[in-house]
N, C-alpha and C. Protein backbone atom coordinates (compact mmCIF):
# COMPACT_ATOMS: atom_id res chain seq x y z
N MET A 1 0.84 -1.20 0.00
CA MET A 1 0.00 0.00 0.00
C MET A 1 0.87 1.25 0.00
N ALA A 2 0.52 2.21 -0.81
CA ALA A 2 1.32 3.44 -0.91
C ALA A 2 1.30 4.21 0.40
N HIS A 3 2.41 4.86 0.69
CA HIS A 3 2.53 5.62 1.93
C HIS A 3 1.72 6.91 1.86
N ASP A 4 0.98 7.18 2.91
CA ASP A 4 0.20 8.42 3.00
C ASP A 4 1.12 9.50 3.56
N ILE A 5 1.59 10.40 2.71
CA ILE A 5 2.58 11.40 3.13
C ILE A 5 1.96 12.51 3.97
N TYR A 6 0.63 12.54 4.03
CA TYR A 6 -0.03 13.60 4.78
C TYR A 6 -0.61 13.11 6.11
N ALA A 7 -0.22 11.91 6.54
CA ALA A 7 -0.81 11.33 7.75
C ALA A 7 -0.67 12.25 8.95
N ASP A 8 0.50 12.87 9.12
CA ASP A 8 0.73 13.74 10.27
C ASP A 8 -0.13 15.00 10.23
N MET A 9 -0.56 15.41 9.05
CA MET A 9 -1.34 16.64 8.92
C MET A 9 -2.72 16.48 9.54
N ARG A 10 -3.19 15.24 9.67
CA ARG A 10 -4.49 15.01 10.26
C ARG A 10 -4.44 15.18 11.78
N ILE A 11 -3.23 15.15 12.33
CA ILE A 11 -3.04 15.24 13.78
C ILE A 11 -2.45 16.59 14.17
N ALA A 12 -1.35 16.94 13.54
CA ALA A 12 -0.64 18.18 13.89
C ALA A 12 -1.32 19.38 13.23
N HIS A 13 -1.48 20.44 14.00
CA HIS A 13 -2.13 21.64 13.48
C HIS A 13 -1.10 22.66 12.95
N ASP A 14 0.18 22.32 13.02
CA ASP A 14 1.21 23.26 12.55
C ASP A 14 1.83 22.78 11.25
N GLU A 15 1.19 21.82 10.58
CA GLU A 15 1.70 21.30 9.32
C GLU A 15 0.99 21.99 8.16
N CYS A 16 1.58 23.06 7.67
CA CYS A 16 1.07 23.76 6.49
C CYS A 16 2.20 23.79 5.47
N TYR A 17 1.94 23.27 4.28
CA TYR A 17 2.99 23.12 3.30
C TYR A 17 3.01 24.26 2.28
N THR A 18 4.17 24.50 1.74
CA THR A 18 4.37 25.59 0.78
C THR A 18 3.86 25.19 -0.60
N THR A 19 3.12 26.06 -1.24
CA THR A 19 2.68 25.81 -2.61
C THR A 19 3.88 25.93 -3.55
N TYR A 20 3.73 25.35 -4.74
CA TYR A 20 4.82 25.47 -5.69
C TYR A 20 5.00 26.91 -6.13
N ASN A 21 3.90 27.64 -6.25
CA ASN A 21 3.99 29.05 -6.65
C ASN A 21 4.88 29.84 -5.69
N GLU A 22 4.65 29.67 -4.38
CA GLU A 22 5.44 30.41 -3.39
C GLU A 22 6.88 29.95 -3.37
N ALA A 23 7.11 28.66 -3.52
CA ALA A 23 8.48 28.15 -3.55
C ALA A 23 9.23 28.68 -4.77
N GLU A 24 8.56 28.70 -5.91
CA GLU A 24 9.17 29.18 -7.15
C GLU A 24 9.50 30.67 -7.04
N LYS A 25 8.62 31.45 -6.45
CA LYS A 25 8.87 32.88 -6.28
C LYS A 25 10.12 33.11 -5.43
N LEU A 26 10.24 32.35 -4.34
CA LEU A 26 11.41 32.50 -3.47
C LEU A 26 12.69 32.14 -4.20
N VAL A 27 12.69 31.02 -4.90
CA VAL A 27 13.91 30.57 -5.58
C VAL A 27 14.34 31.56 -6.66
N LYS A 28 13.38 32.13 -7.38
CA LYS A 28 13.72 33.14 -8.39
C LYS A 28 14.33 34.38 -7.72
N PHE A 29 13.80 34.76 -6.56
CA PHE A 29 14.35 35.90 -5.81
C PHE A 29 15.77 35.58 -5.37
N ILE A 30 16.01 34.38 -4.90
CA ILE A 30 17.34 33.95 -4.46
C ILE A 30 18.33 34.04 -5.61
N GLU A 31 17.89 33.61 -6.79
CA GLU A 31 18.77 33.67 -7.97
C GLU A 31 19.06 35.12 -8.37
N GLU A 32 18.02 35.92 -8.44
CA GLU A 32 18.17 37.31 -8.89
C GLU A 32 19.07 38.12 -7.97
N HIS A 33 19.05 37.81 -6.68
CA HIS A 33 19.84 38.56 -5.71
C HIS A 33 21.11 37.83 -5.29
N HIS A 34 21.40 36.71 -5.96
CA HIS A 34 22.65 35.96 -5.73
C HIS A 34 22.84 35.61 -4.25
N LEU A 35 21.78 35.13 -3.62
CA LEU A 35 21.85 34.79 -2.20
C LEU A 35 22.49 33.43 -1.97
N VAL A 36 22.40 32.57 -2.96
CA VAL A 36 22.95 31.22 -2.85
C VAL A 36 23.67 30.88 -4.15
N SER A 37 24.87 30.37 -4.03
CA SER A 37 25.63 29.93 -5.20
C SER A 37 25.23 28.52 -5.59
N LYS A 38 25.36 28.19 -6.86
CA LYS A 38 25.06 26.83 -7.30
C LYS A 38 26.06 25.82 -6.76
N THR A 39 27.18 26.30 -6.23
CA THR A 39 28.15 25.40 -5.60
C THR A 39 27.89 25.23 -4.11
N ASP A 40 27.04 26.07 -3.53
CA ASP A 40 26.67 25.92 -2.12
C ASP A 40 25.81 24.68 -1.93
N ILE A 41 25.87 24.13 -0.73
CA ILE A 41 25.01 23.00 -0.38
C ILE A 41 23.85 23.52 0.46
N VAL A 42 22.64 23.39 -0.06
CA VAL A 42 21.44 23.86 0.63
C VAL A 42 20.87 22.71 1.45
N TRP A 43 20.76 22.92 2.75
CA TRP A 43 20.20 21.90 3.64
C TRP A 43 18.70 22.15 3.83
N LEU A 44 17.89 21.14 3.51
CA LEU A 44 16.46 21.17 3.75
C LEU A 44 16.17 20.20 4.90
N PRO A 45 16.01 20.69 6.13
CA PRO A 45 15.91 19.80 7.29
C PRO A 45 14.50 19.32 7.63
N PHE A 46 13.48 19.87 6.96
CA PHE A 46 12.10 19.48 7.27
C PHE A 46 11.35 19.03 6.02
N ASP A 47 12.05 18.62 4.99
CA ASP A 47 11.44 18.36 3.70
C ASP A 47 11.58 16.90 3.28
N ASN A 48 10.87 16.54 2.21
CA ASN A 48 11.00 15.23 1.61
C ASN A 48 10.89 15.38 0.09
N ASP A 49 10.83 14.25 -0.61
CA ASP A 49 10.83 14.29 -2.08
C ASP A 49 9.64 15.02 -2.67
N PHE A 50 8.56 15.16 -1.90
CA PHE A 50 7.36 15.82 -2.39
C PHE A 50 7.36 17.32 -2.07
N SER A 51 8.41 17.78 -1.42
CA SER A 51 8.48 19.18 -1.01
C SER A 51 8.58 20.11 -2.21
N ASN A 52 7.75 21.14 -2.22
CA ASN A 52 7.82 22.12 -3.31
C ASN A 52 9.07 22.97 -3.25
N ILE A 53 9.58 23.22 -2.04
CA ILE A 53 10.85 23.94 -1.92
C ILE A 53 11.96 23.10 -2.53
N TYR A 54 11.96 21.82 -2.23
CA TYR A 54 12.94 20.89 -2.82
C TYR A 54 12.82 20.88 -4.34
N LYS A 55 11.58 20.79 -4.84
CA LYS A 55 11.37 20.73 -6.28
C LYS A 55 11.83 22.01 -6.98
N ALA A 56 11.48 23.15 -6.40
CA ALA A 56 11.85 24.42 -7.03
C ALA A 56 13.36 24.61 -7.04
N LEU A 57 14.01 24.33 -5.92
CA LEU A 57 15.47 24.47 -5.86
C LEU A 57 16.16 23.51 -6.83
N THR A 58 15.66 22.28 -6.89
CA THR A 58 16.23 21.29 -7.79
C THR A 58 16.02 21.69 -9.25
N ASN A 59 14.83 22.17 -9.56
CA ASN A 59 14.54 22.59 -10.94
C ASN A 59 15.44 23.73 -11.40
N HIS A 60 15.93 24.52 -10.45
CA HIS A 60 16.82 25.64 -10.79
C HIS A 60 18.29 25.27 -10.63
N GLY A 61 18.57 24.00 -10.40
CA GLY A 61 19.95 23.53 -10.42
C GLY A 61 20.76 23.72 -9.16
N PHE A 62 20.07 23.90 -8.01
CA PHE A 62 20.80 24.07 -6.75
C PHE A 62 21.20 22.72 -6.17
N ASN A 63 22.26 22.74 -5.37
CA ASN A 63 22.82 21.54 -4.75
C ASN A 63 22.12 21.30 -3.42
N ILE A 64 21.46 20.16 -3.26
CA ILE A 64 20.58 19.93 -2.13
C ILE A 64 21.06 18.77 -1.27
N VAL A 65 20.95 18.93 0.05
CA VAL A 65 21.01 17.80 0.97
C VAL A 65 19.73 17.88 1.82
N MET A 66 18.99 16.78 1.87
CA MET A 66 17.67 16.79 2.49
C MET A 66 17.61 15.78 3.63
N THR A 67 17.08 16.21 4.78
CA THR A 67 16.90 15.31 5.92
C THR A 67 15.51 15.53 6.50
N ASN A 68 15.01 14.52 7.23
CA ASN A 68 13.70 14.65 7.84
C ASN A 68 13.49 13.54 8.87
N LEU A 69 12.47 13.71 9.69
CA LEU A 69 12.15 12.73 10.72
C LEU A 69 11.73 11.40 10.12
N GLU A 70 11.17 11.41 8.92
CA GLU A 70 10.74 10.18 8.26
C GLU A 70 11.91 9.22 8.10
N ASN A 71 13.12 9.77 7.97
CA ASN A 71 14.33 8.96 7.83
C ASN A 71 15.13 8.90 9.13
N GLY A 72 14.48 9.31 10.23
CA GLY A 72 15.14 9.23 11.53
C GLY A 72 16.16 10.32 11.77
N GLN A 73 16.07 11.43 11.02
CA GLN A 73 17.04 12.53 11.15
C GLN A 73 16.36 13.73 11.80
N ASP A 74 16.54 13.85 13.09
CA ASP A 74 15.92 14.91 13.88
C ASP A 74 16.76 16.17 13.78
N PHE A 75 16.18 17.24 13.26
CA PHE A 75 16.90 18.50 13.07
C PHE A 75 17.58 18.99 14.34
N PHE A 76 16.98 18.72 15.48
CA PHE A 76 17.49 19.27 16.74
C PHE A 76 18.66 18.48 17.32
N ILE A 77 18.98 17.35 16.73
CA ILE A 77 20.15 16.58 17.20
C ILE A 77 21.04 16.10 16.05
N TYR A 78 20.63 16.40 14.82
CA TYR A 78 21.37 15.91 13.66
C TYR A 78 21.62 17.04 12.68
N GLN A 79 22.78 16.98 12.01
CA GLN A 79 23.05 17.85 10.88
C GLN A 79 23.94 17.11 9.89
N PRO A 80 23.80 17.41 8.60
CA PRO A 80 24.66 16.76 7.60
C PRO A 80 26.12 17.12 7.81
N GLU A 81 26.99 16.30 7.27
CA GLU A 81 28.43 16.55 7.41
C GLU A 81 28.83 17.85 6.73
N LYS A 82 28.22 18.14 5.56
CA LYS A 82 28.55 19.36 4.83
C LYS A 82 27.27 20.07 4.41
N TRP A 83 27.20 21.36 4.68
CA TRP A 83 26.10 22.20 4.21
C TRP A 83 26.50 23.66 4.40
N ASP A 84 25.87 24.55 3.63
CA ASP A 84 26.23 25.97 3.66
C ASP A 84 25.10 26.88 4.08
N ILE A 85 23.87 26.53 3.76
CA ILE A 85 22.72 27.38 4.09
C ILE A 85 21.47 26.51 4.26
N ILE A 86 20.61 26.90 5.18
CA ILE A 86 19.33 26.24 5.38
C ILE A 86 18.24 27.06 4.69
N ILE A 87 17.39 26.40 3.92
CA ILE A 87 16.20 27.03 3.35
C ILE A 87 15.04 26.08 3.62
N THR A 88 14.02 26.54 4.35
CA THR A 88 12.95 25.62 4.70
C THR A 88 11.71 26.34 5.21
N ASN A 89 10.62 25.61 5.21
CA ASN A 89 9.38 26.02 5.86
C ASN A 89 9.23 25.11 7.09
N PRO A 90 9.69 25.56 8.26
CA PRO A 90 9.67 24.71 9.45
C PRO A 90 8.27 24.64 10.06
N PRO A 91 8.05 23.70 10.99
CA PRO A 91 6.77 23.67 11.71
C PRO A 91 6.51 24.99 12.42
N PHE A 92 5.24 25.36 12.55
CA PHE A 92 4.90 26.65 13.16
C PHE A 92 5.19 26.68 14.65
N SER A 93 5.09 25.54 15.33
CA SER A 93 5.29 25.51 16.78
C SER A 93 6.77 25.35 17.11
N GLY A 94 7.12 25.60 18.37
CA GLY A 94 8.49 25.40 18.84
C GLY A 94 9.48 26.41 18.31
N ARG A 95 9.08 27.67 18.19
CA ARG A 95 9.98 28.68 17.62
C ARG A 95 11.22 28.91 18.49
N THR A 96 11.08 28.82 19.81
CA THR A 96 12.23 29.05 20.68
C THR A 96 13.33 28.04 20.40
N ASN A 97 12.98 26.75 20.39
CA ASN A 97 13.97 25.70 20.11
C ASN A 97 14.50 25.82 18.70
N LEU A 98 13.63 26.18 17.77
CA LEU A 98 14.05 26.34 16.38
C LEU A 98 15.10 27.43 16.25
N MET A 99 14.83 28.60 16.82
CA MET A 99 15.78 29.71 16.72
C MET A 99 17.08 29.42 17.47
N ASN A 100 16.97 28.78 18.62
CA ASN A 100 18.19 28.41 19.36
C ASN A 100 19.09 27.52 18.50
N ARG A 101 18.49 26.55 17.86
CA ARG A 101 19.24 25.62 17.03
C ARG A 101 19.83 26.32 15.80
N LEU A 102 19.04 27.13 15.13
CA LEU A 102 19.51 27.81 13.93
C LEU A 102 20.68 28.76 14.23
N ILE A 103 20.53 29.55 15.27
CA ILE A 103 21.58 30.51 15.61
C ILE A 103 22.86 29.80 16.03
N SER A 104 22.73 28.65 16.65
CA SER A 104 23.92 27.92 17.14
C SER A 104 24.84 27.50 16.00
N PHE A 105 24.31 27.33 14.79
CA PHE A 105 25.14 26.92 13.66
C PHE A 105 26.05 28.04 13.17
N GLU A 106 25.64 29.30 13.40
CA GLU A 106 26.38 30.46 12.91
C GLU A 106 26.55 30.40 11.39
N LYS A 107 25.51 29.92 10.71
CA LYS A 107 25.51 29.83 9.25
C LYS A 107 24.23 30.48 8.72
N PRO A 108 24.21 30.81 7.43
CA PRO A 108 23.03 31.47 6.87
C PRO A 108 21.80 30.56 6.86
N PHE A 109 20.64 31.19 6.95
CA PHE A 109 19.40 30.45 6.76
C PHE A 109 18.32 31.38 6.22
N ILE A 110 17.37 30.78 5.52
CA ILE A 110 16.17 31.47 5.04
C ILE A 110 15.00 30.57 5.43
N ILE A 111 14.17 31.03 6.36
CA ILE A 111 13.05 30.23 6.84
C ILE A 111 11.75 31.00 6.71
N LEU A 112 10.68 30.26 6.52
CA LEU A 112 9.36 30.88 6.44
C LEU A 112 8.80 31.05 7.85
N GLN A 113 8.27 32.24 8.12
CA GLN A 113 7.66 32.52 9.41
C GLN A 113 6.39 33.34 9.21
N ALA A 114 5.53 33.32 10.23
CA ALA A 114 4.31 34.12 10.21
C ALA A 114 4.44 35.24 11.23
N THR A 115 3.50 36.17 11.21
CA THR A 115 3.57 37.30 12.13
C THR A 115 3.53 36.87 13.60
N GLN A 116 3.06 35.66 13.87
CA GLN A 116 3.07 35.14 15.24
C GLN A 116 4.50 35.00 15.77
N PHE A 117 5.46 35.03 14.86
CA PHE A 117 6.87 34.99 15.24
C PHE A 117 7.20 36.08 16.27
N PHE A 118 6.56 37.24 16.12
CA PHE A 118 6.87 38.38 16.98
C PHE A 118 6.21 38.26 18.36
N ASN A 119 5.41 37.22 18.56
CA ASN A 119 4.86 36.96 19.89
C ASN A 119 5.83 36.17 20.77
N ASN A 120 6.91 35.69 20.17
CA ASN A 120 7.90 34.89 20.90
C ASN A 120 9.05 35.80 21.34
N GLN A 121 9.17 36.00 22.64
CA GLN A 121 10.17 36.95 23.15
C GLN A 121 11.59 36.52 22.84
N PHE A 122 11.84 35.22 22.81
CA PHE A 122 13.20 34.74 22.53
C PHE A 122 13.56 35.00 21.07
N ALA A 123 12.60 34.82 20.18
CA ALA A 123 12.85 35.10 18.77
C ALA A 123 13.11 36.58 18.55
N VAL A 124 12.31 37.42 19.19
CA VAL A 124 12.50 38.87 19.07
C VAL A 124 13.84 39.29 19.66
N ASN A 125 14.24 38.67 20.76
CA ASN A 125 15.54 38.98 21.36
C ASN A 125 16.68 38.68 20.39
N TYR A 126 16.54 37.60 19.63
CA TYR A 126 17.56 37.28 18.64
C TYR A 126 17.61 38.36 17.55
N LEU A 127 16.46 38.84 17.13
CA LEU A 127 16.43 39.90 16.12
C LEU A 127 17.18 41.13 16.59
N CYS A 128 17.01 41.46 17.86
CA CYS A 128 17.68 42.64 18.42
C CYS A 128 19.17 42.39 18.61
N GLN A 129 19.51 41.20 19.07
CA GLN A 129 20.91 40.88 19.36
C GLN A 129 21.75 40.81 18.08
N TYR A 130 21.15 40.28 17.02
CA TYR A 130 21.87 40.13 15.75
C TYR A 130 21.19 40.97 14.66
N SER A 131 20.85 42.18 14.99
CA SER A 131 20.06 43.02 14.10
C SER A 131 20.72 43.24 12.74
N ASN A 132 22.04 43.29 12.69
CA ASN A 132 22.73 43.52 11.42
C ASN A 132 22.71 42.29 10.52
N ASP A 133 22.43 41.13 11.09
CA ASP A 133 22.47 39.89 10.33
C ASP A 133 21.10 39.46 9.81
N PHE A 134 20.03 40.05 10.31
CA PHE A 134 18.70 39.63 9.91
C PHE A 134 18.13 40.53 8.82
N LYS A 135 17.54 39.91 7.82
CA LYS A 135 16.85 40.61 6.74
C LYS A 135 15.51 39.93 6.50
N PHE A 136 14.60 40.62 5.81
CA PHE A 136 13.27 40.10 5.58
C PHE A 136 12.94 40.13 4.09
N ILE A 137 12.37 39.03 3.59
CA ILE A 137 11.79 38.98 2.26
C ILE A 137 10.28 38.96 2.47
N LEU A 138 9.63 40.03 2.03
CA LEU A 138 8.21 40.24 2.35
C LEU A 138 7.33 40.08 1.11
N PRO A 139 6.54 39.00 1.05
CA PRO A 139 5.62 38.83 -0.08
C PRO A 139 4.63 39.99 -0.16
N ARG A 140 4.29 40.39 -1.36
CA ARG A 140 3.35 41.48 -1.53
C ARG A 140 1.96 41.09 -1.03
N SER A 141 1.60 39.83 -1.22
CA SER A 141 0.29 39.34 -0.80
C SER A 141 0.42 38.27 0.27
N ARG A 142 -0.67 38.04 1.00
CA ARG A 142 -0.67 36.94 1.96
C ARG A 142 -0.47 35.62 1.23
N MET A 143 0.34 34.78 1.81
CA MET A 143 0.64 33.51 1.18
C MET A 143 -0.51 32.53 1.36
N SER A 144 -0.62 31.58 0.43
CA SER A 144 -1.58 30.50 0.51
C SER A 144 -0.82 29.21 0.82
N PHE A 145 -1.36 28.38 1.71
CA PHE A 145 -0.67 27.16 2.12
C PHE A 145 -1.49 25.92 1.77
N LEU A 146 -0.78 24.83 1.57
CA LEU A 146 -1.41 23.55 1.36
C LEU A 146 -1.75 22.93 2.71
N ILE A 147 -3.01 22.62 2.93
CA ILE A 147 -3.44 22.00 4.18
C ILE A 147 -4.37 20.84 3.86
N TYR A 148 -4.48 19.92 4.81
CA TYR A 148 -5.34 18.76 4.63
C TYR A 148 -6.80 19.15 4.81
N LYS A 149 -7.62 18.80 3.82
CA LYS A 149 -9.05 19.07 3.86
C LYS A 149 -9.78 17.75 4.12
N GLN A 150 -10.21 17.57 5.37
CA GLN A 150 -10.79 16.30 5.78
C GLN A 150 -12.04 15.95 4.98
N GLU A 151 -12.87 16.95 4.70
CA GLU A 151 -14.12 16.68 4.00
C GLU A 151 -13.89 16.20 2.58
N GLU A 152 -12.74 16.55 1.98
CA GLU A 152 -12.42 16.14 0.62
C GLU A 152 -11.38 15.04 0.57
N ASN A 153 -10.71 14.80 1.71
CA ASN A 153 -9.62 13.84 1.82
C ASN A 153 -8.52 14.13 0.80
N ILE A 154 -8.22 15.40 0.63
CA ILE A 154 -7.12 15.84 -0.23
C ILE A 154 -6.37 16.96 0.48
N VAL A 155 -5.22 17.32 -0.08
CA VAL A 155 -4.47 18.47 0.39
C VAL A 155 -4.54 19.54 -0.68
N ARG A 156 -4.94 20.74 -0.29
CA ARG A 156 -5.02 21.83 -1.26
C ARG A 156 -4.90 23.16 -0.54
N ASN A 157 -4.70 24.20 -1.32
CA ASN A 157 -4.67 25.56 -0.78
C ASN A 157 -5.99 26.27 -1.10
N ASP A 158 -6.16 27.43 -0.52
CA ASP A 158 -7.35 28.24 -0.79
C ASP A 158 -6.97 29.45 -1.65
N ARG A 159 -7.88 29.90 -2.47
CA ARG A 159 -7.59 31.00 -3.39
C ARG A 159 -7.28 32.31 -2.68
N ASN A 160 -7.88 32.53 -1.54
CA ASN A 160 -7.75 33.83 -0.88
C ASN A 160 -6.59 33.91 0.11
N GLY A 161 -5.80 32.86 0.22
CA GLY A 161 -4.64 32.90 1.10
C GLY A 161 -4.97 32.65 2.55
N ALA A 162 -3.95 32.62 3.38
CA ALA A 162 -4.12 32.39 4.81
C ALA A 162 -4.67 33.63 5.50
N SER A 163 -5.18 33.45 6.71
CA SER A 163 -5.72 34.58 7.47
C SER A 163 -4.62 35.41 8.11
N PHE A 164 -3.39 34.90 8.09
CA PHE A 164 -2.25 35.60 8.69
C PHE A 164 -1.22 35.91 7.61
N TYR A 165 -0.36 36.88 7.89
CA TYR A 165 0.69 37.25 6.95
C TYR A 165 1.96 36.45 7.25
N SER A 166 2.64 36.01 6.21
CA SER A 166 3.88 35.24 6.35
C SER A 166 5.01 35.91 5.59
N PHE A 167 6.23 35.61 5.96
CA PHE A 167 7.41 36.22 5.35
C PHE A 167 8.59 35.27 5.46
N TRP A 168 9.64 35.55 4.68
CA TRP A 168 10.86 34.77 4.73
C TRP A 168 11.89 35.52 5.58
N LEU A 169 12.35 34.89 6.65
CA LEU A 169 13.33 35.47 7.55
C LEU A 169 14.72 35.00 7.13
N CYS A 170 15.60 35.95 6.85
CA CYS A 170 16.94 35.64 6.35
C CYS A 170 18.01 36.00 7.38
N TYR A 171 19.01 35.14 7.51
CA TYR A 171 20.09 35.36 8.48
C TYR A 171 21.43 35.15 7.78
N LYS A 172 22.31 36.13 7.92
CA LYS A 172 23.66 36.09 7.37
C LYS A 172 23.67 35.88 5.85
N THR A 173 22.69 36.44 5.15
CA THR A 173 22.72 36.45 3.69
C THR A 173 23.33 37.78 3.24
N ASN A 174 23.53 37.93 1.92
CA ASN A 174 24.14 39.16 1.43
C ASN A 174 23.13 40.19 0.96
N LEU A 175 21.90 40.08 1.45
CA LEU A 175 20.91 41.12 1.15
C LEU A 175 21.36 42.45 1.74
N LYS A 176 21.24 43.50 0.96
CA LYS A 176 21.69 44.82 1.42
C LYS A 176 20.61 45.49 2.27
N GLN A 177 19.36 45.41 1.84
CA GLN A 177 18.28 46.06 2.56
C GLN A 177 17.73 45.15 3.66
N THR A 178 17.21 45.78 4.69
CA THR A 178 16.58 45.00 5.76
C THR A 178 15.26 44.42 5.29
N PHE A 179 14.46 45.24 4.59
CA PHE A 179 13.15 44.82 4.11
C PHE A 179 13.15 44.76 2.58
N ASN A 180 12.78 43.60 2.03
CA ASN A 180 12.82 43.37 0.60
C ASN A 180 11.49 42.79 0.15
N GLN A 181 10.84 43.44 -0.82
CA GLN A 181 9.54 42.97 -1.26
C GLN A 181 9.68 41.84 -2.27
N LEU A 182 8.83 40.82 -2.10
CA LEU A 182 8.76 39.70 -3.04
C LEU A 182 7.51 39.91 -3.90
N PRO A 183 7.68 40.29 -5.16
CA PRO A 183 6.52 40.61 -6.01
C PRO A 183 5.63 39.40 -6.24
N ASP A 184 4.36 39.67 -6.51
CA ASP A 184 3.43 38.60 -6.90
C ASP A 184 3.84 38.03 -8.26
N SER A 185 3.53 36.78 -8.47
CA SER A 185 3.84 36.13 -9.75
C SER A 185 2.64 36.14 -10.69
N GLY A 186 1.44 36.36 -10.13
CA GLY A 186 0.21 36.26 -10.90
C GLY A 186 -0.48 34.92 -10.72
N ASN A 187 0.18 33.99 -10.02
CA ASN A 187 -0.39 32.66 -9.79
C ASN A 187 -0.92 32.47 -8.38
N GLU A 188 -1.04 33.56 -7.63
CA GLU A 188 -1.41 33.44 -6.22
C GLU A 188 -2.80 32.83 -6.00
N ARG A 189 -3.70 33.01 -6.93
CA ARG A 189 -5.08 32.54 -6.76
C ARG A 189 -5.33 31.17 -7.39
N ILE A 190 -4.30 30.56 -7.91
CA ILE A 190 -4.44 29.23 -8.48
C ILE A 190 -4.45 28.19 -7.36
N ILE A 191 -5.36 27.23 -7.46
CA ILE A 191 -5.49 26.19 -6.44
C ILE A 191 -4.65 24.98 -6.84
N GLU A 192 -3.80 24.54 -5.95
CA GLU A 192 -3.00 23.33 -6.14
C GLU A 192 -3.62 22.22 -5.29
N ARG A 193 -3.82 21.03 -5.88
CA ARG A 193 -4.49 19.94 -5.18
C ARG A 193 -3.68 18.65 -5.33
N TYR A 194 -3.60 17.87 -4.23
CA TYR A 194 -2.80 16.65 -4.19
C TYR A 194 -3.54 15.53 -3.49
N ASP A 195 -3.28 14.29 -3.92
CA ASP A 195 -3.90 13.16 -3.25
C ASP A 195 -3.02 12.71 -2.09
N GLU A 196 -3.37 11.57 -1.45
CA GLU A 196 -2.68 11.11 -0.25
C GLU A 196 -1.24 10.72 -0.50
N GLN A 197 -0.90 10.41 -1.75
CA GLN A 197 0.48 10.04 -2.08
C GLN A 197 1.29 11.22 -2.62
N GLY A 198 0.69 12.41 -2.59
CA GLY A 198 1.40 13.59 -3.05
C GLY A 198 1.32 13.82 -4.55
N ASN A 199 0.47 13.05 -5.24
CA ASN A 199 0.31 13.22 -6.68
C ASN A 199 -0.62 14.39 -6.98
N VAL A 200 -0.30 15.13 -8.01
CA VAL A 200 -1.16 16.25 -8.42
C VAL A 200 -2.49 15.71 -8.93
N ILE A 201 -3.59 16.29 -8.47
CA ILE A 201 -4.91 15.95 -8.99
C ILE A 201 -5.14 16.80 -10.23
N GLU A 202 -5.17 16.16 -11.38
CA GLU A 202 -5.16 16.89 -12.65
C GLU A 202 -6.51 17.49 -13.01
N ASN A 203 -7.60 16.83 -12.65
CA ASN A 203 -8.92 17.36 -13.01
C ASN A 203 -9.34 18.43 -12.02
N ASN A 204 -8.55 19.52 -12.01
CA ASN A 204 -8.77 20.60 -11.05
C ASN A 204 -9.83 21.56 -11.60
N HIS A 205 -11.11 21.16 -11.48
CA HIS A 205 -12.18 21.97 -12.04
C HIS A 205 -12.30 23.32 -11.36
N MET A 206 -11.73 23.45 -10.14
CA MET A 206 -11.83 24.72 -9.42
C MET A 206 -11.10 25.84 -10.15
N ASN A 207 -10.14 25.47 -11.00
CA ASN A 207 -9.36 26.49 -11.69
C ASN A 207 -9.97 26.86 -13.05
N LEU A 208 -10.91 26.06 -13.53
CA LEU A 208 -11.44 26.29 -14.88
C LEU A 208 -12.15 27.63 -14.99
N PHE A 209 -12.76 28.06 -13.88
CA PHE A 209 -13.53 29.29 -13.92
C PHE A 209 -12.80 30.45 -13.26
N ASN A 210 -11.52 30.26 -13.03
CA ASN A 210 -10.71 31.31 -12.42
C ASN A 210 -10.08 32.14 -13.53
N PHE A 211 -10.89 33.02 -14.14
CA PHE A 211 -10.41 33.76 -15.31
C PHE A 211 -9.38 34.83 -14.94
N ASP A 212 -9.32 35.21 -13.65
CA ASP A 212 -8.39 36.26 -13.24
C ASP A 212 -6.96 35.77 -13.15
N ALA A 213 -6.81 34.46 -12.95
CA ALA A 213 -5.47 33.90 -12.77
C ALA A 213 -4.96 33.32 -14.07
N PRO A 214 -3.66 33.42 -14.33
CA PRO A 214 -3.09 32.83 -15.54
C PRO A 214 -3.10 31.32 -15.45
N SER A 215 -3.02 30.66 -16.61
CA SER A 215 -3.01 29.20 -16.60
C SER A 215 -1.68 28.69 -16.06
N ILE A 216 -1.72 27.48 -15.50
CA ILE A 216 -0.51 26.88 -14.96
C ILE A 216 -0.49 25.42 -15.35
N LYS A 217 0.63 24.90 -15.78
CA LYS A 217 0.74 23.51 -16.18
C LYS A 217 0.75 22.63 -14.93
N VAL A 218 0.05 21.51 -15.03
CA VAL A 218 0.02 20.59 -13.90
C VAL A 218 1.43 20.11 -13.56
N THR A 219 2.28 19.96 -14.56
CA THR A 219 3.63 19.49 -14.33
C THR A 219 4.47 20.51 -13.57
N ASP A 220 3.98 21.74 -13.46
CA ASP A 220 4.71 22.77 -12.73
C ASP A 220 4.35 22.80 -11.27
N VAL A 221 3.41 21.96 -10.85
CA VAL A 221 2.91 22.02 -9.48
C VAL A 221 3.43 20.84 -8.68
N TYR A 222 3.99 21.12 -7.52
CA TYR A 222 4.51 20.08 -6.65
C TYR A 222 4.09 20.38 -5.22
N ARG A 223 4.50 19.52 -4.28
CA ARG A 223 4.15 19.72 -2.89
C ARG A 223 5.28 20.36 -2.10
N LYS A 224 4.91 21.12 -1.12
CA LYS A 224 5.69 21.90 -0.17
C LYS A 224 6.69 22.75 -0.89
């Protein structure tokens, strides 16, 4: 029987995955601003083969090392032998432990966070302590996330985006400005849908009547 890659999403409330559109926008920004070299090793510590961040980075020719709990590799006690920068969408909970671990490496990272980040005093303290090292990539629009829809038994995003604002937090990158806008791609209102094995659901009738959004090839859509 095929493995259900979304099993944990039915239990954990902090499992929201990145759409391919958002992952592609970030990777294009990274390329345009030369934040990561193609010779750098990008560590994805919370991803798997279905990850949209993994797919977008791979499609653009970046060098990837990927670890996850599914393979018994706990981010908080394990790290690859060689890596140069972390790029990931981590779980929403446990920000204190996450930031403690990330800062301890003294290496660059780009992580997705929501405005709830500023409710964590330890995270804010790090921003103040290392103020010269932190930069922000700010999407023009609220991001849309892939979440498990129990009534449909699929994973998909919503056209109108999340109820909260999200951003990419950068540490020790070569961004010159503190605040950097990430322009819309025009695909923000497109719905991405996946079955339990992470396969794209091709008969996406929800997009047929979305005349405001540009067309998107099914082969361009991946998970996380």
